[in-house]
């Protein structure tokens, strides 16, 4: 398509409202997506920072002040869980007669 002037280009052959409106809505939605992604990233970064601070404070405590019971001392791991396998859902060993 060839336009003889800037005015003809902006009018888009009588469809300026639809063409420029669709560009505006698209730009607005992309801007909202970027804004939301940045907000989610900041929230996740804050959660990770808090978790690292909590973990560091727990590691700094002496062993006598921490509880001695752990999940693995209460319920031992199966061989597949010890090697990093996926838990199958049943924590009890299978019945063997």
PDB file of N, CA and C in Angstrom:
ATOM      1  N   UNK A   1       0.847  -1.166   0.000  1.00  0.00           N
ATOM      2  CA  UNK A   1       0.000   0.000   0.000  1.00  0.00           C
ATOM      3  C   UNK A   1       0.897   1.235   0.000  1.00  0.00           C
ATOM      4  N   UNK A   2       0.493   2.271  -0.742  1.00  0.00           N
ATOM      5  CA  UNK A   2       1.288   3.481  -0.892  1.00  0.00           C
ATOM      6  C   UNK A   2       0.462   4.685  -0.438  1.00  0.00           C
ATOM      7  N   UNK A   3       1.037   5.507   0.397  1.00  0.00           N
ATOM      8  CA  UNK A   3       0.354   6.712   0.890  1.00  0.00           C
ATOM      9  C   UNK A   3       1.065   7.932   0.340  1.00  0.00           C
ATOM     10  N   UNK A   4       0.299   8.941  -0.041  1.00  0.00           N
ATOM     11  CA  UNK A   4       0.858  10.172  -0.592  1.00  0.00           C
ATOM     12  C   UNK A   4       1.220  11.188   0.478  1.00  0.00           C
ATOM     13  N   UNK A   5       0.685  11.016   1.676  1.00  0.00           N
ATOM     14  CA  UNK A   5       0.987  11.960   2.754  1.00  0.00           C
ATOM     15  C   UNK A   5       0.895  11.254   4.098  1.00  0.00           C
ATOM     16  N   UNK A   6       1.395  11.921   5.119  1.00  0.00           N
ATOM     17  CA  UNK A   6       1.316  11.390   6.473  1.00  0.00           C
ATOM     18  C   UNK A   6      -0.139  11.298   6.926  1.00  0.00           C
ATOM     19  N   UNK A   7      -0.946  12.267   6.500  1.00  0.00           N
ATOM     20  CA  UNK A   7      -2.363  12.260   6.860  1.00  0.00           C
ATOM     21  C   UNK A   7      -3.068  11.008   6.325  1.00  0.00           C
ATOM     22  N   UNK A   8      -2.771  10.605   5.093  1.00  0.00           N
ATOM     23  CA  UNK A   8      -3.365   9.401   4.528  1.00  0.00           C
ATOM     24  C   UNK A   8      -2.906   8.158   5.294  1.00  0.00           C
ATOM     25  N   UNK A   9      -1.640   8.172   5.688  1.00  0.00           N
ATOM     26  CA  UNK A   9      -1.123   7.046   6.472  1.00  0.00           C
ATOM     27  C   UNK A   9      -1.861   6.930   7.810  1.00  0.00           C
ATOM     28  N   UNK A  10      -2.032   8.062   8.493  1.00  0.00           N
ATOM     29  CA  UNK A  10      -2.703   8.060   9.799  1.00  0.00           C
ATOM     30  C   UNK A  10      -4.183   7.700   9.686  1.00  0.00           C
ATOM     31  N   UNK A  11      -4.816   8.049   8.577  1.00  0.00           N
ATOM     32  CA  UNK A  11      -6.230   7.721   8.380  1.00  0.00           C
ATOM     33  C   UNK A  11      -6.441   6.252   8.030  1.00  0.00           C
ATOM     34  N   UNK A  12      -5.416   5.577   7.511  1.00  0.00           N
ATOM     35  CA  UNK A  12      -5.456   4.154   7.169  1.00  0.00           C
ATOM     36  C   UNK A  12      -6.648   3.800   6.289  1.00  0.00           C
ATOM     37  N   UNK A  13      -6.925   4.613   5.318  1.00  0.00           N
ATOM     38  CA  UNK A  13      -7.996   4.327   4.364  1.00  0.00           C
ATOM     39  C   UNK A  13      -9.371   4.294   5.016  1.00  0.00           C
ATOM     40  N   UNK A  14      -9.564   5.053   6.078  1.00  0.00           N
ATOM     41  CA  UNK A  14     -10.855   5.099   6.756  1.00  0.00           C
ATOM     42  C   UNK A  14     -10.975   4.120   7.923  1.00  0.00           C
ATOM     43  N   UNK A  15      -9.936   3.332   8.174  1.00  0.00           N
ATOM     44  CA  UNK A  15      -9.969   2.341   9.262  1.00  0.00           C
ATOM     45  C   UNK A  15      -9.027   2.708  10.405  1.00  0.00           C
ATOM     46  N   UNK A  16      -8.736   3.981  10.555  1.00  0.00           N
ATOM     47  CA  UNK A  16      -7.767   4.428  11.558  1.00  0.00           C
ATOM     48  C   UNK A  16      -8.178   4.029  12.972  1.00  0.00           C
ATOM     49  N   UNK A  17      -9.457   4.163  13.298  1.00  0.00           N
ATOM     50  CA  UNK A  17      -9.920   3.829  14.647  1.00  0.00           C
ATOM     51  C   UNK A  17      -9.625   2.372  14.974  1.00  0.00           C
ATOM     52  N   UNK A  18      -9.871   1.478  14.044  1.00  0.00           N
ATOM     53  CA  UNK A  18      -9.655   0.051  14.288  1.00  0.00           C
ATOM     54  C   UNK A  18      -8.161  -0.292  14.314  1.00  0.00           C
ATOM     55  N   UNK A  19      -7.417   0.276  13.352  1.00  0.00           N
ATOM     56  CA  UNK A  19      -5.985  -0.038  13.264  1.00  0.00           C
ATOM     57  C   UNK A  19      -5.239   0.506  14.468  1.00  0.00           C
ATOM     58  N   UNK A  20      -5.375   1.800  14.742  1.00  0.00           N
ATOM     59  CA  UNK A  20      -4.627   2.410  15.844  1.00  0.00           C
ATOM     60  C   UNK A  20      -5.179   1.969  17.200  1.00  0.00           C
ATOM     61  N   UNK A  21      -6.457   1.685  17.248  1.00  0.00           N
ATOM     62  CA  UNK A  21      -7.024   1.142  18.488  1.00  0.00           C
ATOM     63  C   UNK A  21      -6.450  -0.225  18.825  1.00  0.00           C
ATOM     64  N   UNK A  22      -6.292  -1.076  17.800  1.00  0.00           N
ATOM     65  CA  UNK A  22      -5.722  -2.408  18.044  1.00  0.00           C
ATOM     66  C   UNK A  22      -4.260  -2.308  18.447  1.00  0.00           C
ATOM     67  N   UNK A  23      -3.520  -1.363  17.853  1.00  0.00           N
ATOM     68  CA  UNK A  23      -2.138  -1.143  18.286  1.00  0.00           C
ATOM     69  C   UNK A  23      -2.099  -0.678  19.743  1.00  0.00           C
ATOM     70  N   UNK A  24      -2.989   0.216  20.116  1.00  0.00           N
ATOM     71  CA  UNK A  24      -3.022   0.724  21.488  1.00  0.00           C
ATOM     72  C   UNK A  24      -3.356  -0.358  22.503  1.00  0.00           C
ATOM     73  N   UNK A  25      -4.371  -1.179  22.194  1.00  0.00           N
ATOM     74  CA  UNK A  25      -4.748  -2.260  23.107  1.00  0.00           C
ATOM     75  C   UNK A  25      -3.612  -3.266  23.234  1.00  0.00           C
ATOM     76  N   UNK A  26      -2.971  -3.600  22.123  1.00  0.00           N
ATOM     77  CA  UNK A  26      -1.855  -4.545  22.146  1.00  0.00           C
ATOM     78  C   UNK A  26      -0.713  -4.002  22.994  1.00  0.00           C
ATOM     79  N   UNK A  27      -0.356  -2.736  22.801  1.00  0.00           N
ATOM     80  CA  UNK A  27       0.715  -2.132  23.589  1.00  0.00           C
ATOM     81  C   UNK A  27       0.348  -2.131  25.072  1.00  0.00           C
ATOM     82  N   UNK A  28      -0.895  -1.805  25.393  1.00  0.00           N
ATOM     83  CA  UNK A  28      -1.346  -1.779  26.784  1.00  0.00           C
ATOM     84  C   UNK A  28      -1.242  -3.163  27.418  1.00  0.00           C
ATOM     85  N   UNK A  29      -1.674  -4.199  26.710  1.00  0.00           N
ATOM     86  CA  UNK A  29      -1.607  -5.552  27.254  1.00  0.00           C
ATOM     87  C   UNK A  29      -0.175  -6.034  27.443  1.00  0.00           C
ATOM     88  N   UNK A  30       0.705  -5.694  26.512  1.00  0.00           N
ATOM     89  CA  UNK A  30       2.114  -6.076  26.666  1.00  0.00           C
ATOM     90  C   UNK A  30       2.725  -5.343  27.861  1.00  0.00           C
ATOM     91  N   UNK A  31       2.405  -4.068  28.030  1.00  0.00           N
ATOM     92  CA  UNK A  31       2.917  -3.305  29.169  1.00  0.00           C
ATOM     93  C   UNK A  31       2.407  -3.888  30.490  1.00  0.00           C
ATOM     94  N   UNK A  32       1.131  -4.282  30.536  1.00  0.00           N
ATOM     95  CA  UNK A  32       0.592  -4.905  31.745  1.00  0.00           C
ATOM     96  C   UNK A  32       1.266  -6.239  32.040  1.00  0.00           C
ATOM     97  N   UNK A  33       1.562  -7.005  31.016  1.00  0.00           N
ATOM     98  CA  UNK A  33       2.243  -8.284  31.194  1.00  0.00           C
ATOM     99  C   UNK A  33       3.644  -8.080  31.766  1.00  0.00           C
ATOM    100  N   UNK A  34       4.377  -7.120  31.245  1.00  0.00           N
ATOM    101  CA  UNK A  34       5.717  -6.821  31.759  1.00  0.00           C
ATOM    102  C   UNK A  34       5.630  -6.349  33.203  1.00  0.00           C
ATOM    103  N   UNK A  35       4.674  -5.486  33.505  1.00  0.00           N
ATOM    104  CA  UNK A  35       4.504  -4.966  34.866  1.00  0.00           C
ATOM    105  C   UNK A  35       4.187  -6.102  35.838  1.00  0.00           C
ATOM    106  N   UNK A  36       3.302  -7.011  35.449  1.00  0.00           N
ATOM    107  CA  UNK A  36       2.943  -8.124  36.309  1.00  0.00           C
ATOM    108  C   UNK A  36       4.126  -9.083  36.488  1.00  0.00           C
ATOM    109  N   UNK A  37       4.864  -9.349  35.447  1.00  0.00           N
ATOM    110  CA  UNK A  37       6.017 -10.244  35.539  1.00  0.00           C
ATOM    111  C   UNK A  37       7.081  -9.667  36.464  1.00  0.00           C
ATOM    112  N   UNK A  38       7.321  -8.379  36.365  1.00  0.00           N
ATOM    113  CA  UNK A  38       8.298  -7.750  37.264  1.00  0.00           C
ATOM    114  C   UNK A  38       7.836  -7.821  38.706  1.00  0.00           C
ATOM    115  N   UNK A  39       6.547  -7.615  38.945  1.00  0.00           N
ATOM    116  CA  UNK A  39       6.012  -7.713  40.306  1.00  0.00           C
ATOM    117  C   UNK A  39       6.142  -9.116  40.862  1.00  0.00           C
ATOM    118  N   UNK A  40       5.855 -10.125  40.046  1.00  0.00           N
ATOM    119  CA  UNK A  40       5.996 -11.516  40.470  1.00  0.00           C
ATOM    120  C   UNK A  40       7.455 -11.850  40.751  1.00  0.00           C
ATOM    121  N   UNK A  41       8.337 -11.349  39.916  1.00  0.00           N
ATOM    122  CA  UNK A  41       9.769 -11.596  40.108  1.00  0.00           C
ATOM    123  C   UNK A  41      10.240 -10.981  41.420  1.00  0.00           C
ATOM    124  N   UNK A  42       9.818  -9.760  41.708  1.00  0.00           N
ATOM    125  CA  UNK A  42      10.210  -9.109  42.966  1.00  0.00           C
ATOM    126  C   UNK A  42       9.657  -9.856  44.165  1.00  0.00           C
ATOM    127  N   UNK A  43       8.416 -10.318  44.083  1.00  0.00           N
ATOM    128  CA  UNK A  43       7.816 -11.070  45.181  1.00  0.00           C
ATOM    129  C   UNK A  43       8.575 -12.366  45.411  1.00  0.00           C
ATOM    130  N   UNK A  44       8.883 -13.079  44.352  1.00  0.00           N
ATOM    131  CA  UNK A  44       9.620 -14.334  44.481  1.00  0.00           C
ATOM    132  C   UNK A  44      11.017 -14.090  45.026  1.00  0.00           C
ATOM    133  N   UNK A  45      11.673 -13.036  44.590  1.00  0.00           N
ATOM    134  CA  UNK A  45      12.994 -12.695  45.095  1.00  0.00           C
ATOM    135  C   UNK A  45      12.940 -12.404  46.591  1.00  0.00           C
ATOM    136  N   UNK A  46      11.900 -11.718  47.043  1.00  0.00           N
ATOM    137  CA  UNK A  46      11.731 -11.432  48.466  1.00  0.00           C
ATOM    138  C   UNK A  46      11.523 -12.725  49.252  1.00  0.00           C
ATOM    139  N   UNK A  47      10.705 -13.641  48.723  1.00  0.00           N
ATOM    140  CA  UNK A  47      10.466 -14.915  49.402  1.00  0.00           C
ATOM    141  C   UNK A  47      11.753 -15.729  49.499  1.00  0.00           C
ATOM    142  N   UNK A  48      12.521 -15.764  48.415  1.00  0.00           N
ATOM    143  CA  UNK A  48      13.773 -16.513  48.435  1.00  0.00           C
ATOM    144  C   UNK A  48      14.775 -15.903  49.401  1.00  0.00           C
ATOM    145  N   UNK A  49      14.856 -14.587  49.448  1.00  0.00           N
ATOM    146  CA  UNK A  49      15.757 -13.913  50.375  1.00  0.00           C
ATOM    147  C   UNK A  49      15.371 -14.219  51.816  1.00  0.00           C
ATOM    148  N   UNK A  50      14.078 -14.161  52.119  1.00  0.00           N
ATOM    149  CA  UNK A  50      13.601 -14.478  53.463  1.00  0.00           C
ATOM    150  C   UNK A  50      13.920 -15.926  53.827  1.00  0.00           C
ATOM    151  N   UNK A  51      13.715 -16.845  52.889  1.00  0.00           N
ATOM    152  CA  UNK A  51      13.993 -18.258  53.148  1.00  0.00           C
ATOM    153  C   UNK A  51      15.478 -18.487  53.405  1.00  0.00           C
ATOM    154  N   UNK A  52      16.336 -17.817  52.645  1.00  0.00           N
ATOM    155  CA  UNK A  52      17.777 -17.954  52.858  1.00  0.00           C
ATOM    156  C   UNK A  52      18.186 -17.388  54.208  1.00  0.00           C
ATOM    157  N   UNK A  53      17.591 -16.282  54.622  1.00  0.00           N
ATOM    158  CA  UNK A  53      17.901 -15.710  55.927  1.00  0.00           C
ATOM    159  C   UNK A  53      17.457 -16.635  57.055  1.00  0.00           C
ATOM    160  N   UNK A  54      16.285 -17.244  56.910  1.00  0.00           N
ATOM    161  CA  UNK A  54      15.804 -18.184  57.928  1.00  0.00           C
ATOM    162  C   UNK A  54      16.716 -19.405  57.991  1.00  0.00           C
ATOM    163  N   UNK A  55      17.096 -19.919  56.835  1.00  0.00           N
ATOM    164  CA  UNK A  55      17.980 -21.079  56.800  1.00  0.00           C
ATOM    165  C   UNK A  55      19.328 -20.761  57.430  1.00  0.00           C
ATOM    166  N   UNK A  56      19.867 -19.577  57.130  1.00  0.00           N
ATOM    167  CA  UNK A  56      21.150 -19.188  57.706  1.00  0.00           C
ATOM    168  C   UNK A  56      21.044 -19.030  59.220  1.00  0.00           C
ATOM    169  N   UNK A  57      19.937 -18.478  59.703  1.00  0.00           N
ATOM    170  CA  UNK A  57      19.786 -18.316  61.148  1.00  0.00           C
ATOM    171  C   UNK A  57      19.630 -19.666  61.836  1.00  0.00           C
ATOM    172  N   UNK A  58      18.996 -20.635  61.185  1.00  0.00           N
ATOM    173  CA  UNK A  58      18.881 -21.970  61.768  1.00  0.00           C
ATOM    174  C   UNK A  58      20.226 -22.682  61.803  1.00  0.00           C
ATOM    175  N   UNK A  59      21.051 -22.464  60.786  1.00  0.00           N
ATOM    176  CA  UNK A  59      22.365 -23.097  60.749  1.00  0.00           C
ATOM    177  C   UNK A  59      23.316 -22.477  61.761  1.00  0.00           C
ATOM    178  N   UNK A  60      23.113 -21.215  62.113  1.00  0.00           N
ATOM    179  CA  UNK A  60      23.970 -20.539  63.079  1.00  0.00           C
ATOM    180  C   UNK A  60      23.711 -20.993  64.507  1.00  0.00           C
ATOM    181  N   UNK A  61      22.527 -21.516  64.779  1.00  0.00           N
ATOM    182  CA  UNK A  61      22.193 -21.969  66.129  1.00  0.00           C
ATOM    183  C   UNK A  61      23.001 -23.216  66.473  1.00  0.00           C
ATOM    184  N   UNK A  62      23.281 -23.363  67.746  1.00  0.00           N
ATOM    185  CA  UNK A  62      24.029 -24.543  68.180  1.00  0.00           C
ATOM    186  C   UNK A  62      23.136 -25.774  68.083  1.00  0.00           C
ATOM    187  N   UNK A  63      23.733 -26.960  67.917  1.00  0.00           N
ATOM    188  CA  UNK A  63      22.928 -28.177  67.781  1.00  0.00           C
ATOM    189  C   UNK A  63      22.081 -28.474  69.014  1.00  0.00           C
ATOM    190  N   UNK A  64      22.500 -28.037  70.200  1.00  0.00           N
ATOM    191  CA  UNK A  64      21.724 -28.334  71.403  1.00  0.00           C
ATOM    192  C   UNK A  64      20.421 -27.556  71.455  1.00  0.00           C
ATOM    193  N   UNK A  65      20.337 -26.411  70.761  1.00  0.00           N
ATOM    194  CA  UNK A  65      19.111 -25.622  70.793  1.00  0.00           C
ATOM    195  C   UNK A  65      18.108 -26.055  69.735  1.00  0.00           C
ATOM    196  N   UNK A  66      18.547 -26.877  68.768  1.00  0.00           N
ATOM    197  CA  UNK A  66      17.641 -27.355  67.734  1.00  0.00           C
ATOM    198  C   UNK A  66      17.024 -28.673  68.156  1.00  0.00           C
ATOM    199  N   UNK A  67      15.818 -28.964  67.713  1.00  0.00           N
ATOM    200  CA  UNK A  67      15.205 -30.249  68.071  1.00  0.00           C
ATOM    201  C   UNK A  67      15.988 -31.405  67.470  1.00  0.00           C
ATOM    202  N   UNK A  68      16.057 -32.517  68.198  1.00  0.00           N
ATOM    203  CA  UNK A  68      16.861 -33.645  67.740  1.00  0.00           C
ATOM    204  C   UNK A  68      16.086 -34.552  66.789  1.00  0.00           C
ATOM    205  N   UNK A  69      14.767 -34.555  66.870  1.00  0.00           N
ATOM    206  CA  UNK A  69      13.971 -35.433  66.012  1.00  0.00           C
ATOM    207  C   UNK A  69      13.811 -34.810  64.632  1.00  0.00           C
ATOM    208  N   UNK A  70      13.999 -35.621  63.619  1.00  0.00           N
ATOM    209  CA  UNK A  70      13.767 -35.192  62.247  1.00  0.00           C
ATOM    210  C   UNK A  70      12.771 -36.148  61.615  1.00  0.00           C
ATOM    211  N   UNK A  71      12.306 -35.808  60.457  1.00  0.00           N
ATOM    212  CA  UNK A  71      11.332 -36.666  59.773  1.00  0.00           C
ATOM    213  C   UNK A  71      11.934 -38.026  59.470  1.00  0.00           C
ATOM    214  N   UNK A  72      13.213 -38.056  59.083  1.00  0.00           N
ATOM    215  CA  UNK A  72      13.820 -39.341  58.749  1.00  0.00           C
ATOM    216  C   UNK A  72      14.086 -40.175  59.983  1.00  0.00           C
ATOM    217  N   UNK A  73      14.241 -39.563  61.167  1.00  0.00           N
ATOM    218  CA  UNK A  73      14.424 -40.372  62.369  1.00  0.00           C
ATOM    219  C   UNK A  73      13.099 -40.966  62.815  1.00  0.00           C
ATOM    220  N   UNK A  74      11.990 -40.335  62.470  1.00  0.00           N
ATOM    221  CA  UNK A  74      10.679 -40.855  62.816  1.00  0.00           C
ATOM    222  C   UNK A  74      10.232 -41.890  61.804  1.00  0.00           C
ATOM    223  N   UNK A  75      10.426 -41.602  60.503  1.00  0.00           N
ATOM    224  CA  UNK A  75      10.006 -42.499  59.437  1.00  0.00           C
ATOM    225  C   UNK A  75      11.186 -42.645  58.470  1.00  0.00           C
ATOM    226  N   UNK A  76      11.902 -43.766  58.512  1.00  0.00           N
ATOM    227  CA  UNK A  76      13.076 -43.913  57.652  1.00  0.00           C
ATOM    228  C   UNK A  76      12.703 -43.901  56.171  1.00  0.00           C
ATOM    229  N   UNK A  77      13.664 -43.489  55.379  1.00  0.00           N
ATOM    230  CA  UNK A  77      13.457 -43.424  53.935  1.00  0.00           C
ATOM    231  C   UNK A  77      13.577 -44.800  53.315  1.00  0.00           C
ATOM    232  N   UNK A  78      12.857 -44.982  52.225  1.00  0.00           N
ATOM    233  CA  UNK A  78      12.988 -46.214  51.455  1.00  0.00           C
ATOM    234  C   UNK A  78      14.254 -46.104  50.616  1.00  0.00           C
ATOM    235  N   UNK A  79      14.788 -47.209  50.115  1.00  0.00           N
ATOM    236  CA  UNK A  79      16.018 -47.136  49.312  1.00  0.00           C
ATOM    237  C   UNK A  79      15.906 -46.204  48.103  1.00  0.00           C
ATOM    238  N   UNK A  80      14.736 -46.159  47.462  1.00  0.00           N
ATOM    239  CA  UNK A  80      14.603 -45.287  46.294  1.00  0.00           C
ATOM    240  C   UNK A  80      14.613 -43.819  46.715  1.00  0.00           C
ATOM    241  N   UNK A  81      14.067 -43.505  47.896  1.00  0.00           N
ATOM    242  CA  UNK A  81      14.071 -42.122  48.366  1.00  0.00           C
ATOM    243  C   UNK A  81      15.465 -41.693  48.791  1.00  0.00           C
ATOM    244  N   UNK A  82      16.243 -42.621  49.367  1.00  0.00           N
ATOM    245  CA  UNK A  82      17.602 -42.286  49.773  1.00  0.00           C
ATOM    246  C   UNK A  82      18.468 -41.954  48.570  1.00  0.00           C
ATOM    247  N   UNK A  83      18.201 -42.590  47.446  1.00  0.00           N
ATOM    248  CA  UNK A  83      18.997 -42.333  46.248  1.00  0.00           C
ATOM    249  C   UNK A  83      18.434 -41.191  45.411  1.00  0.00           C
ATOM    250  N   UNK A  84      17.421 -40.496  45.923  1.00  0.00           N
ATOM    251  CA  UNK A  84      16.870 -39.356  45.205  1.00  0.00           C
ATOM    252  C   UNK A  84      15.712 -39.714  44.306  1.00  0.00           C
ATOM    253  N   UNK A  85      15.159 -40.918  44.442  1.00  0.00           N
ATOM    254  CA  UNK A  85      14.039 -41.334  43.610  1.00  0.00           C
ATOM    255  C   UNK A  85      12.761 -40.623  44.007  1.00  0.00           C
ATOM    256  N   UNK A  86      11.742 -40.812  43.237  1.00  0.00           N
ATOM    257  CA  UNK A  86      10.450 -40.183  43.492  1.00  0.00           C
ATOM    258  C   UNK A  86       9.682 -41.033  44.490  1.00  0.00           C
ATOM    259  N   UNK A  87       9.076 -40.366  45.462  1.00  0.00           N
ATOM    260  CA  UNK A  87       8.288 -41.079  46.464  1.00  0.00           C
ATOM    261  C   UNK A  87       7.050 -41.681  45.798  1.00  0.00           C
ATOM    262  N   UNK A  88       6.771 -42.934  46.126  1.00  0.00           N
ATOM    263  CA  UNK A  88       5.665 -43.627  45.473  1.00  0.00           C
ATOM    264  C   UNK A  88       4.344 -43.395  46.158  1.00  0.00           C
ATOM    265  N   UNK A  89       4.314 -42.807  47.328  1.00  0.00           N
ATOM    266  CA  UNK A  89       3.061 -42.502  47.980  1.00  0.00           C
ATOM    267  C   UNK A  89       2.802 -43.330  49.219  1.00  0.00           C
ATOM    268  N   UNK A  90       3.317 -44.549  49.332  1.00  0.00           N
ATOM    269  CA  UNK A  90       3.105 -45.385  50.491  1.00  0.00           C
ATOM    270  C   UNK A  90       4.384 -45.393  51.322  1.00  0.00           C
ATOM    271  N   UNK A  91       4.377 -44.792  52.524  1.00  0.00           N
ATOM    272  CA  UNK A  91       5.603 -44.725  53.306  1.00  0.00           C
ATOM    273  C   UNK A  91       5.966 -46.049  53.963  1.00  0.00           C
ATOM    274  N   UNK A  92       5.055 -47.003  54.023  1.00  0.00           N
ATOM    275  CA  UNK A  92       5.334 -48.290  54.669  1.00  0.00           C
ATOM    276  C   UNK A  92       5.938 -49.249  53.651  1.00  0.00           C
ATOM    277  N   UNK A  93       6.841 -50.115  54.120  1.00  0.00           N
ATOM    278  CA  UNK A  93       7.401 -51.095  53.183  1.00  0.00           C
ATOM    279  C   UNK A  93       6.335 -52.081  52.735  1.00  0.00           C
ATOM    280  N   UNK A  94       6.477 -52.664  51.557  1.00  0.00           N
ATOM    281  CA  UNK A  94       5.483 -53.607  51.076  1.00  0.00           C
ATOM    282  C   UNK A  94       5.450 -54.854  51.964  1.00  0.00           C
ATOM    283  N   UNK A  95       4.272 -55.483  52.044  1.00  0.00           N
ATOM    284  CA  UNK A  95       4.115 -56.687  52.853  1.00  0.00           C
ATOM    285  C   UNK A  95       4.729 -57.875  52.141  1.00  0.00           C
ATOM    286  N   UNK A  96       5.620 -58.563  52.852  1.00  0.00           N
ATOM    287  CA  UNK A  96       6.220 -59.787  52.309  1.00  0.00           C
ATOM    288  C   UNK A  96       5.996 -60.912  53.319  1.00  0.00           C
ATOM    289  N   UNK A  97       5.382 -61.994  52.929  1.00  0.00           N
ATOM    290  CA  UNK A  97       5.120 -63.091  53.871  1.00  0.00           C
ATOM    291  C   UNK A  97       6.358 -63.888  54.215  1.00  0.00           C
TER     292      UNK A  97
END
